[in-house]
PDB file of N, CA and C in Angstrom:
ATOM      1  N   ALA A   1      -6.771   4.632 -10.404  1.00  0.00           N
ATOM      2  CA  ALA A   1      -7.338   4.779  -9.081  1.00  0.00           C
ATOM      3  C   ALA A   1      -8.847   4.981  -9.131  1.00  0.00           C
ATOM      4  N   ASP A   2      -9.346   5.295 -10.307  1.00  0.00           N
ATOM      5  CA  ASP A   2     -10.777   5.567 -10.471  1.00  0.00           C
ATOM      6  C   ASP A   2     -11.541   4.268 -10.756  1.00  0.00           C
ATOM      7  N   ASN A   3     -11.357   3.281  -9.875  1.00  0.00           N
ATOM      8  CA  ASN A   3     -12.004   1.977 -10.086  1.00  0.00           C
ATOM      9  C   ASN A   3     -13.069   1.672  -9.029  1.00  0.00           C
ATOM     10  N   GLY A   4     -13.328   2.611  -8.143  1.00  0.00           N
ATOM     11  CA  GLY A   4     -14.354   2.433  -7.124  1.00  0.00           C
ATOM     12  C   GLY A   4     -13.876   1.744  -5.861  1.00  0.00           C
ATOM     13  N   LEU A   5     -12.644   1.216  -5.853  1.00  0.00           N
ATOM     14  CA  LEU A   5     -12.111   0.550  -4.669  1.00  0.00           C
ATOM     15  C   LEU A   5     -11.508   1.584  -3.730  1.00  0.00           C
ATOM     16  N   GLN A   6     -11.579   1.313  -2.434  1.00  0.00           N
ATOM     17  CA  GLN A   6     -11.163   2.263  -1.415  1.00  0.00           C
ATOM     18  C   GLN A   6      -9.919   1.776  -0.672  1.00  0.00           C
ATOM     19  N   ASN A   7      -9.136   2.708  -0.151  1.00  0.00           N
ATOM     20  CA  ASN A   7      -7.960   2.401   0.659  1.00  0.00           C
ATOM     21  C   ASN A   7      -8.406   2.140   2.096  1.00  0.00           C
ATOM     22  N   THR A   8      -8.895   0.928   2.324  1.00  0.00           N
ATOM     23  CA  THR A   8      -9.372   0.515   3.636  1.00  0.00           C
ATOM     24  C   THR A   8      -8.413  -0.525   4.220  1.00  0.00           C
ATOM     25  N   VAL A   9      -8.581  -0.854   5.483  1.00  0.00           N
ATOM     26  CA  VAL A   9      -7.716  -1.836   6.146  1.00  0.00           C
ATOM     27  C   VAL A   9      -7.655  -3.116   5.316  1.00  0.00           C
ATOM     28  N   GLY A  10      -6.437  -3.549   5.012  1.00  0.00           N
ATOM     29  CA  GLY A  10      -6.222  -4.788   4.274  1.00  0.00           C
ATOM     30  C   GLY A  10      -6.231  -4.652   2.771  1.00  0.00           C
ATOM     31  N   SER A  11      -6.552  -3.464   2.250  1.00  0.00           N
ATOM     32  CA  SER A  11      -6.513  -3.284   0.801  1.00  0.00           C
ATOM     33  C   SER A  11      -5.061  -3.111   0.347  1.00  0.00           C
ATOM     34  N   ILE A  12      -4.797  -3.506  -0.887  1.00  0.00           N
ATOM     35  CA  ILE A  12      -3.465  -3.422  -1.479  1.00  0.00           C
ATOM     36  C   ILE A  12      -3.528  -2.396  -2.603  1.00  0.00           C
ATOM     37  N   ALA A  13      -2.627  -1.422  -2.562  1.00  0.00           N
ATOM     38  CA  ALA A  13      -2.664  -0.329  -3.533  1.00  0.00           C
ATOM     39  C   ALA A  13      -1.279  -0.092  -4.132  1.00  0.00           C
ATOM     40  N   MET A  14      -1.264   0.536  -5.285  1.00  0.00           N
ATOM     41  CA  MET A  14      -0.017   0.859  -5.962  1.00  0.00           C
ATOM     42  C   MET A  14       0.638   2.082  -5.325  1.00  0.00           C
ATOM     43  N   ALA A  15       1.941   1.974  -5.080  1.00  0.00           N
ATOM     44  CA  ALA A  15       2.733   3.122  -4.623  1.00  0.00           C
ATOM     45  C   ALA A  15       3.135   3.920  -5.858  1.00  0.00           C
ATOM     46  N   ARG A  16       3.309   5.220  -5.678  1.00  0.00           N
ATOM     47  CA  ARG A  16       3.693   6.072  -6.804  1.00  0.00           C
ATOM     48  C   ARG A  16       4.408   7.308  -6.287  1.00  0.00           C
ATOM     49  N   THR A  17       4.925   8.095  -7.199  1.00  0.00           N
ATOM     50  CA  THR A  17       5.514   9.379  -6.843  1.00  0.00           C
ATOM     51  C   THR A  17       4.387  10.403  -6.770  1.00  0.00           C
ATOM     52  N   GLY A  18       4.719  11.668  -6.759  1.00  0.00           N
ATOM     53  CA  GLY A  18       3.714  12.717  -6.769  1.00  0.00           C
ATOM     54  C   GLY A  18       2.959  12.826  -8.083  1.00  0.00           C
ATOM     55  N   MET A  19       3.429  12.141  -9.098  1.00  0.00           N
ATOM     56  CA  MET A  19       2.755  12.142 -10.400  1.00  0.00           C
ATOM     57  C   MET A  19       1.688  11.044 -10.398  1.00  0.00           C
ATOM     58  N   PRO A  20       0.446  11.382 -10.707  1.00  0.00           N
ATOM     59  CA  PRO A  20      -0.647  10.419 -10.587  1.00  0.00           C
ATOM     60  C   PRO A  20      -0.475   9.116 -11.362  1.00  0.00           C
ATOM     61  N   HIS A  21       0.179   9.126 -12.509  1.00  0.00           N
ATOM     62  CA  HIS A  21       0.277   7.919 -13.337  1.00  0.00           C
ATOM     63  C   HIS A  21       1.678   7.312 -13.314  1.00  0.00           C
ATOM     64  N   SER A  22       2.381   7.443 -12.197  1.00  0.00           N
ATOM     65  CA  SER A  22       3.768   6.985 -12.115  1.00  0.00           C
ATOM     66  C   SER A  22       3.931   5.616 -11.456  1.00  0.00           C
ATOM     67  N   ALA A  23       2.856   4.985 -11.016  1.00  0.00           N
ATOM     68  CA  ALA A  23       2.966   3.675 -10.356  1.00  0.00           C
ATOM     69  C   ALA A  23       3.481   2.640 -11.346  1.00  0.00           C
ATOM     70  N   THR A  24       4.444   1.836 -10.897  1.00  0.00           N
ATOM     71  CA  THR A  24       4.994   0.810 -11.788  1.00  0.00           C
ATOM     72  C   THR A  24       5.060  -0.550 -11.100  1.00  0.00           C
ATOM     73  N   SER A  25       5.850  -0.672 -10.030  1.00  0.00           N
ATOM     74  CA  SER A  25       6.086  -2.008  -9.483  1.00  0.00           C
ATOM     75  C   SER A  25       6.001  -2.105  -7.965  1.00  0.00           C
ATOM     76  N   GLN A  26       5.831  -1.010  -7.264  1.00  0.00           N
ATOM     77  CA  GLN A  26       5.780  -1.059  -5.807  1.00  0.00           C
ATOM     78  C   GLN A  26       4.340  -0.928  -5.328  1.00  0.00           C
ATOM     79  N   PHE A  27       4.066  -1.574  -4.205  1.00  0.00           N
ATOM     80  CA  PHE A  27       2.718  -1.524  -3.650  1.00  0.00           C
ATOM     81  C   PHE A  27       2.790  -1.386  -2.143  1.00  0.00           C
ATOM     82  N   PHE A  28       1.659  -1.124  -1.524  1.00  0.00           N
ATOM     83  CA  PHE A  28       1.586  -1.083  -0.067  1.00  0.00           C
ATOM     84  C   PHE A  28       0.273  -1.695   0.372  1.00  0.00           C
ATOM     85  N   ILE A  29       0.255  -2.148   1.619  1.00  0.00           N
ATOM     86  CA  ILE A  29      -0.944  -2.702   2.225  1.00  0.00           C
ATOM     87  C   ILE A  29      -1.414  -1.721   3.281  1.00  0.00           C
ATOM     88  N   ASN A  30      -2.643  -1.310   3.172  1.00  0.00           N
ATOM     89  CA  ASN A  30      -3.209  -0.366   4.142  1.00  0.00           C
ATOM     90  C   ASN A  30      -3.438  -1.064   5.478  1.00  0.00           C
ATOM     91  N   VAL A  31      -2.901  -0.489   6.547  1.00  0.00           N
ATOM     92  CA  VAL A  31      -3.088  -1.035   7.895  1.00  0.00           C
ATOM     93  C   VAL A  31      -4.093  -0.206   8.691  1.00  0.00           C
ATOM     94  N   LYS A  32      -4.668   0.788   8.042  1.00  0.00           N
ATOM     95  CA  LYS A  32      -5.762   1.575   8.608  1.00  0.00           C
ATOM     96  C   LYS A  32      -6.570   2.094   7.426  1.00  0.00           C
ATOM     97  N   ASN A  33      -7.735   2.640   7.686  1.00  0.00           N
ATOM     98  CA  ASN A  33      -8.518   3.261   6.622  1.00  0.00           C
ATOM     99  C   ASN A  33      -7.841   4.572   6.240  1.00  0.00           C
ATOM    100  N   ASN A  34      -7.417   4.673   4.995  1.00  0.00           N
ATOM    101  CA  ASN A  34      -6.708   5.850   4.497  1.00  0.00           C
ATOM    102  C   ASN A  34      -7.575   6.584   3.477  1.00  0.00           C
ATOM    103  N   THR A  35      -8.633   7.200   3.946  1.00  0.00           N
ATOM    104  CA  THR A  35      -9.557   7.869   3.035  1.00  0.00           C
ATOM    105  C   THR A  35      -8.882   8.987   2.246  1.00  0.00           C
ATOM    106  N   SER A  36      -7.834   9.584   2.791  1.00  0.00           N
ATOM    107  CA  SER A  36      -7.137  10.655   2.076  1.00  0.00           C
ATOM    108  C   SER A  36      -6.422  10.137   0.831  1.00  0.00           C
ATOM    109  N   LEU A  37      -6.247   8.822   0.720  1.00  0.00           N
ATOM    110  CA  LEU A  37      -5.579   8.234  -0.443  1.00  0.00           C
ATOM    111  C   LEU A  37      -6.562   7.797  -1.521  1.00  0.00           C
ATOM    112  N   ASN A  38      -7.855   7.927  -1.268  1.00  0.00           N
ATOM    113  CA  ASN A  38      -8.862   7.511  -2.234  1.00  0.00           C
ATOM    114  C   ASN A  38      -8.962   8.492  -3.397  1.00  0.00           C
ATOM    115  N   HIS A  39      -9.372   7.981  -4.550  1.00  0.00           N
ATOM    116  CA  HIS A  39      -9.615   8.820  -5.731  1.00  0.00           C
ATOM    117  C   HIS A  39     -10.784   9.764  -5.442  1.00  0.00           C
ATOM    118  N   ARG A  40     -10.588  11.052  -5.748  1.00  0.00           N
ATOM    119  CA  ARG A  40     -11.650  12.043  -5.553  1.00  0.00           C
ATOM    120  C   ARG A  40     -11.996  12.758  -6.850  1.00  0.00           C
ATOM    121  N   SER A  41     -11.001  12.986  -7.686  1.00  0.00           N
ATOM    122  CA  SER A  41     -11.231  13.686  -8.950  1.00  0.00           C
ATOM    123  C   SER A  41     -10.056  13.421  -9.886  1.00  0.00           C
ATOM    124  N   LYS A  42     -10.260  13.709 -11.155  1.00  0.00           N
ATOM    125  CA  LYS A  42      -9.229  13.443 -12.160  1.00  0.00           C
ATOM    126  C   LYS A  42      -8.330  14.659 -12.354  1.00  0.00           C
ATOM    127  N   ASN A  43      -7.673  15.056 -11.237  1.00  0.00           N
ATOM    128  CA  ASN A  43      -6.660  16.104 -11.319  1.00  0.00           C
ATOM    129  C   ASN A  43      -5.499  15.704 -10.411  1.00  0.00           C
ATOM    130  N   GLY A  44      -4.428  16.447 -10.436  1.00  0.00           N
ATOM    131  CA  GLY A  44      -3.221  16.077  -9.704  1.00  0.00           C
ATOM    132  C   GLY A  44      -3.420  15.797  -8.228  1.00  0.00           C
ATOM    133  N   SER A  45      -4.260  16.555  -7.570  1.00  0.00           N
ATOM    134  CA  SER A  45      -4.440  16.365  -6.131  1.00  0.00           C
ATOM    135  C   SER A  45      -5.555  15.384  -5.791  1.00  0.00           C
ATOM    136  N   GLY A  46      -6.322  14.952  -6.784  1.00  0.00           N
ATOM    137  CA  GLY A  46      -7.463  14.096  -6.491  1.00  0.00           C
ATOM    138  C   GLY A  46      -7.378  12.665  -6.978  1.00  0.00           C
ATOM    139  N   TRP A  47      -6.311  12.328  -7.713  1.00  0.00           N
ATOM    140  CA  TRP A  47      -6.236  10.992  -8.303  1.00  0.00           C
ATOM    141  C   TRP A  47      -6.202   9.880  -7.264  1.00  0.00           C
ATOM    142  N   GLY A  48      -5.495  10.063  -6.196  1.00  0.00           N
ATOM    143  CA  GLY A  48      -5.418   9.022  -5.181  1.00  0.00           C
ATOM    144  C   GLY A  48      -4.480   7.890  -5.582  1.00  0.00           C
ATOM    145  N   TYR A  49      -4.595   6.789  -4.856  1.00  0.00           N
ATOM    146  CA  TYR A  49      -3.727   5.624  -5.050  1.00  0.00           C
ATOM    147  C   TYR A  49      -4.591   4.431  -5.421  1.00  0.00           C
ATOM    148  N   ALA A  50      -4.250   3.767  -6.497  1.00  0.00           N
ATOM    149  CA  ALA A  50      -5.073   2.699  -7.063  1.00  0.00           C
ATOM    150  C   ALA A  50      -5.040   1.433  -6.215  1.00  0.00           C
ATOM    151  N   VAL A  51      -6.201   1.066  -5.698  1.00  0.00           N
ATOM    152  CA  VAL A  51      -6.357  -0.200  -4.977  1.00  0.00           C
ATOM    153  C   VAL A  51      -6.599  -1.284  -6.014  1.00  0.00           C
ATOM    154  N   PHE A  52      -5.872  -2.407  -5.880  1.00  0.00           N
ATOM    155  CA  PHE A  52      -6.039  -3.486  -6.850  1.00  0.00           C
ATOM    156  C   PHE A  52      -6.252  -4.843  -6.203  1.00  0.00           C
ATOM    157  N   GLY A  53      -6.254  -4.915  -4.886  1.00  0.00           N
ATOM    158  CA  GLY A  53      -6.445  -6.207  -4.229  1.00  0.00           C
ATOM    159  C   GLY A  53      -6.690  -6.026  -2.750  1.00  0.00           C
ATOM    160  N   GLU A  54      -6.794  -7.167  -2.070  1.00  0.00           N
ATOM    161  CA  GLU A  54      -7.002  -7.131  -0.624  1.00  0.00           C
ATOM    162  C   GLU A  54      -6.383  -8.368   0.013  1.00  0.00           C
ATOM    163  N   VAL A  55      -6.013  -8.237   1.266  1.00  0.00           N
ATOM    164  CA  VAL A  55      -5.509  -9.367   2.037  1.00  0.00           C
ATOM    165  C   VAL A  55      -6.735 -10.184   2.451  1.00  0.00           C
ATOM    166  N   SER A  56      -6.786 -11.447   2.038  1.00  0.00           N
ATOM    167  CA  SER A  56      -7.947 -12.273   2.371  1.00  0.00           C
ATOM    168  C   SER A  56      -7.698 -13.126   3.612  1.00  0.00           C
ATOM    169  N   GLU A  57      -6.441 -13.429   3.889  1.00  0.00           N
ATOM    170  CA  GLU A  57      -6.044 -14.157   5.096  1.00  0.00           C
ATOM    171  C   GLU A  57      -4.683 -13.645   5.532  1.00  0.00           C
ATOM    172  N   GLY A  58      -4.421 -13.687   6.817  1.00  0.00           N
ATOM    173  CA  GLY A  58      -3.085 -13.377   7.299  1.00  0.00           C
ATOM    174  C   GLY A  58      -2.835 -11.941   7.705  1.00  0.00           C
ATOM    175  N   MET A  59      -3.877 -11.208   8.065  1.00  0.00           N
ATOM    176  CA  MET A  59      -3.638  -9.833   8.523  1.00  0.00           C
ATOM    177  C   MET A  59      -2.754  -9.801   9.760  1.00  0.00           C
ATOM    178  N   GLU A  60      -2.677 -10.905  10.502  1.00  0.00           N
ATOM    179  CA  GLU A  60      -1.774 -10.932  11.658  1.00  0.00           C
ATOM    180  C   GLU A  60      -0.314 -10.824  11.202  1.00  0.00           C
ATOM    181  N   VAL A  61      -0.007 -11.323  10.019  1.00  0.00           N
ATOM    182  CA  VAL A  61       1.350 -11.185   9.468  1.00  0.00           C
ATOM    183  C   VAL A  61       1.603  -9.723   9.106  1.00  0.00           C
ATOM    184  N   ILE A  62       0.622  -9.084   8.505  1.00  0.00           N
ATOM    185  CA  ILE A  62       0.755  -7.672   8.156  1.00  0.00           C
ATOM    186  C   ILE A  62       0.947  -6.838   9.418  1.00  0.00           C
ATOM    187  N   GLU A  63       0.208  -7.149  10.467  1.00  0.00           N
ATOM    188  CA  GLU A  63       0.346  -6.431  11.739  1.00  0.00           C
ATOM    189  C   GLU A  63       1.752  -6.635  12.315  1.00  0.00           C
ATOM    190  N   ALA A  64       2.293  -7.836  12.197  1.00  0.00           N
ATOM    191  CA  ALA A  64       3.656  -8.101  12.690  1.00  0.00           C
ATOM    192  C   ALA A  64       4.685  -7.283  11.906  1.00  0.00           C
ATOM    193  N   ILE A  65       4.485  -7.153  10.605  1.00  0.00           N
ATOM    194  CA  ILE A  65       5.378  -6.335   9.788  1.00  0.00           C
ATOM    195  C   ILE A  65       5.237  -4.865  10.179  1.00  0.00           C
ATOM    196  N   ARG A  66       4.023  -4.421  10.430  1.00  0.00           N
ATOM    197  CA  ARG A  66       3.760  -3.013  10.750  1.00  0.00           C
ATOM    198  C   ARG A  66       4.522  -2.534  11.973  1.00  0.00           C
ATOM    199  N   VAL A  67       4.758  -3.398  12.938  1.00  0.00           N
ATOM    200  CA  VAL A  67       5.365  -2.962  14.191  1.00  0.00           C
ATOM    201  C   VAL A  67       6.885  -3.179  14.266  1.00  0.00           C
ATOM    202  N   VAL A  68       7.533  -3.589  13.172  1.00  0.00           N
ATOM    203  CA  VAL A  68       8.985  -3.744  13.220  1.00  0.00           C
ATOM    204  C   VAL A  68       9.638  -2.374  13.373  1.00  0.00           C
ATOM    205  N   ALA A  69      10.807  -2.353  13.992  1.00  0.00           N
ATOM    206  CA  ALA A  69      11.549  -1.104  14.186  1.00  0.00           C
ATOM    207  C   ALA A  69      12.012  -0.554  12.840  1.00  0.00           C
ATOM    208  N   THR A  70      11.877   0.770  12.661  1.00  0.00           N
ATOM    209  CA  THR A  70      12.287   1.411  11.415  1.00  0.00           C
ATOM    210  C   THR A  70      13.204   2.591  11.697  1.00  0.00           C
ATOM    211  N   GLY A  71      13.854   3.055  10.651  1.00  0.00           N
ATOM    212  CA  GLY A  71      14.725   4.212  10.741  1.00  0.00           C
ATOM    213  C   GLY A  71      14.905   4.800   9.354  1.00  0.00           C
ATOM    214  N   SER A  72      15.902   5.664   9.191  1.00  0.00           N
ATOM    215  CA  SER A  72      16.195   6.277   7.898  1.00  0.00           C
ATOM    216  C   SER A  72      17.353   5.534   7.242  1.00  0.00           C
ATOM    217  N   ASN A  73      17.288   5.450   5.912  1.00  0.00           N
ATOM    218  CA  ASN A  73      18.336   4.768   5.154  1.00  0.00           C
ATOM    219  C   ASN A  73      18.397   5.384   3.764  1.00  0.00           C
ATOM    220  N   SER A  74      19.533   5.926   3.401  1.00  0.00           N
ATOM    221  CA  SER A  74      19.765   6.504   2.071  1.00  0.00           C
ATOM    222  C   SER A  74      18.708   7.535   1.688  1.00  0.00           C
ATOM    223  N   GLY A  75      18.314   8.361   2.635  1.00  0.00           N
ATOM    224  CA  GLY A  75      17.338   9.397   2.361  1.00  0.00           C
ATOM    225  C   GLY A  75      15.887   8.965   2.436  1.00  0.00           C
ATOM    226  N   HIS A  76      15.654   7.693   2.715  1.00  0.00           N
ATOM    227  CA  HIS A  76      14.286   7.174   2.834  1.00  0.00           C
ATOM    228  C   HIS A  76      13.934   7.048   4.305  1.00  0.00           C
ATOM    229  N   GLN A  77      12.695   7.364   4.644  1.00  0.00           N
ATOM    230  CA  GLN A  77      12.235   7.266   6.026  1.00  0.00           C
ATOM    231  C   GLN A  77      11.432   5.985   6.229  1.00  0.00           C
ATOM    232  N   ASN A  78      11.348   5.559   7.492  1.00  0.00           N
ATOM    233  CA  ASN A  78      10.542   4.404   7.884  1.00  0.00           C
ATOM    234  C   ASN A  78      10.958   3.124   7.178  1.00  0.00           C
ATOM    235  N   VAL A  79      12.258   2.926   7.056  1.00  0.00           N
ATOM    236  CA  VAL A  79      12.816   1.708   6.459  1.00  0.00           C
ATOM    237  C   VAL A  79      13.061   0.706   7.583  1.00  0.00           C
ATOM    238  N   PRO A  80      12.619  -0.555   7.424  1.00  0.00           N
ATOM    239  CA  PRO A  80      12.885  -1.542   8.484  1.00  0.00           C
ATOM    240  C   PRO A  80      14.383  -1.637   8.785  1.00  0.00           C
ATOM    241  N   LEU A  81      14.729  -1.677  10.078  1.00  0.00           N
ATOM    242  CA  LEU A  81      16.134  -1.786  10.476  1.00  0.00           C
ATOM    243  C   LEU A  81      16.673  -3.188  10.202  1.00  0.00           C
ATOM    244  N   GLU A  82      15.821  -4.180  10.250  1.00  0.00           N
ATOM    245  CA  GLU A  82      16.159  -5.553   9.872  1.00  0.00           C
ATOM    246  C   GLU A  82      15.300  -5.918   8.668  1.00  0.00           C
ATOM    247  N   PRO A  83      15.844  -6.660   7.698  1.00  0.00           N
ATOM    248  CA  PRO A  83      15.051  -7.014   6.516  1.00  0.00           C
ATOM    249  C   PRO A  83      13.764  -7.757   6.885  1.00  0.00           C
ATOM    250  N   VAL A  84      12.693  -7.397   6.212  1.00  0.00           N
ATOM    251  CA  VAL A  84      11.428  -8.111   6.328  1.00  0.00           C
ATOM    252  C   VAL A  84      11.282  -8.924   5.051  1.00  0.00           C
ATOM    253  N   ILE A  85      11.192 -10.231   5.187  1.00  0.00           N
ATOM    254  CA  ILE A  85      11.130 -11.112   4.024  1.00  0.00           C
ATOM    255  C   ILE A  85       9.769 -11.795   3.986  1.00  0.00           C
ATOM    256  N   VAL A  86       9.067 -11.607   2.884  1.00  0.00           N
ATOM    257  CA  VAL A  86       7.797 -12.297   2.654  1.00  0.00           C
ATOM    258  C   VAL A  86       8.140 -13.567   1.887  1.00  0.00           C
ATOM    259  N   ASN A  87       7.888 -14.717   2.496  1.00  0.00           N
ATOM    260  CA  ASN A  87       8.255 -15.984   1.878  1.00  0.00           C
ATOM    261  C   ASN A  87       7.283 -16.453   0.807  1.00  0.00           C
ATOM    262  N   ARG A  88       6.019 -16.066   0.929  1.00  0.00           N
ATOM    263  CA  ARG A  88       5.070 -16.453  -0.100  1.00  0.00           C
ATOM    264  C   ARG A  88       3.822 -15.591  -0.019  1.00  0.00           C
ATOM    265  N   ALA A  89       3.212 -15.450  -1.157  1.00  0.00           N
ATOM    266  CA  ALA A  89       1.932 -14.748  -1.291  1.00  0.00           C
ATOM    267  C   ALA A  89       1.183 -15.468  -2.401  1.00  0.00           C
ATOM    268  N   TYR A  90      -0.107 -15.424  -2.353  1.00  0.00           N
ATOM    269  CA  TYR A  90      -0.923 -16.138  -3.331  1.00  0.00           C
ATOM    270  C   TYR A  90      -1.902 -15.194  -3.990  1.00  0.00           C
ATOM    271  N   HIS A  91      -2.096 -15.391  -5.270  1.00  0.00           N
ATOM    272  CA  HIS A  91      -3.149 -14.691  -5.999  1.00  0.00           C
ATOM    273  C   HIS A  91      -4.380 -15.569  -5.939  1.00  0.00           C
ATOM    274  N   VAL A  92      -5.458 -15.034  -5.422  1.00  0.00           N
ATOM    275  CA  VAL A  92      -6.707 -15.781  -5.323  1.00  0.00           C
ATOM    276  C   VAL A  92      -7.726 -15.091  -6.205  1.00  0.00           C
ATOM    277  N   ALA A  93      -8.134 -15.756  -7.266  1.00  0.00           N
ATOM    278  CA  ALA A  93      -9.137 -15.175  -8.168  1.00  0.00           C
ATOM    279  C   ALA A  93     -10.513 -15.296  -7.532  1.00  0.00           C
ATOM    280  N   LYS A  94     -11.315 -14.269  -7.740  1.00  0.00           N
ATOM    281  CA  LYS A  94     -12.688 -14.301  -7.209  1.00  0.00           C
ATOM    282  C   LYS A  94     -13.632 -14.789  -8.271  1.00  0.00           C
TER     283      LYS A  94
END
């Protein structure tokens, strides 16, 4: 998370547990500026969430996903009530 990138609208960051170095395969897309998720210091409460990319096109798709109805499922909160399927995504090198 200490890479200088910020959790701003459209940034893509690694999801993790409460342990700072536990991110493995899940990610999230920020739909608002989440400054509280930014790296602040190299301790348990300051590590933040590592941003590794950004949405370059298609934020309208992200907005459509953001507003789907959600509920609880198997102890998890804010789970879409109907499956959300992403048909394609592209890696664009800079």
